[in-house]
């Protein structure tokens, strides 16, 4: 299914300028297009549109220890709730944590990287409100967290 994730503002990366009324087209686990919502609706008329309040950008890399939680699965989910879809290998060394990350398609990276929204890359997105709290997280094309 093709989904357009749209927000008040879009950032290709968290250091660059924002695009008002921007959107990202997700097909499967990949980004198909990035740009103004009106243009993407025209190019993908059959796509489902999810409108989010706030700023849409690339999901983050969680650089510190995973949050405490009763199980490895809940530790990984706590990271997703923060808008991150990747963790550093040094903080996911335990087998059960690594397995939980793999099952949830959370990347385990050897070093930090600066994610960017671009066509034909993995669909890892996050939406943040004006206070910086995560509203929604998309990991490998799947909506895995949404604040109610």
Foldseek 3Di string as FASTA:
>chain_A
DKEKEWEQWEDQFPVDDIDGQKIWIDDQFFTADTGHPVVVCVVVVPHHYDYDYAYKYAFAEPEDAQDDDPALLVSQLSSQQLRHQEYECVNQVDPRNVVSSVVVQRHHHPDGDGGGDDGGDGPWMWGAHPVSGTQWTAHSNRTSDGDD
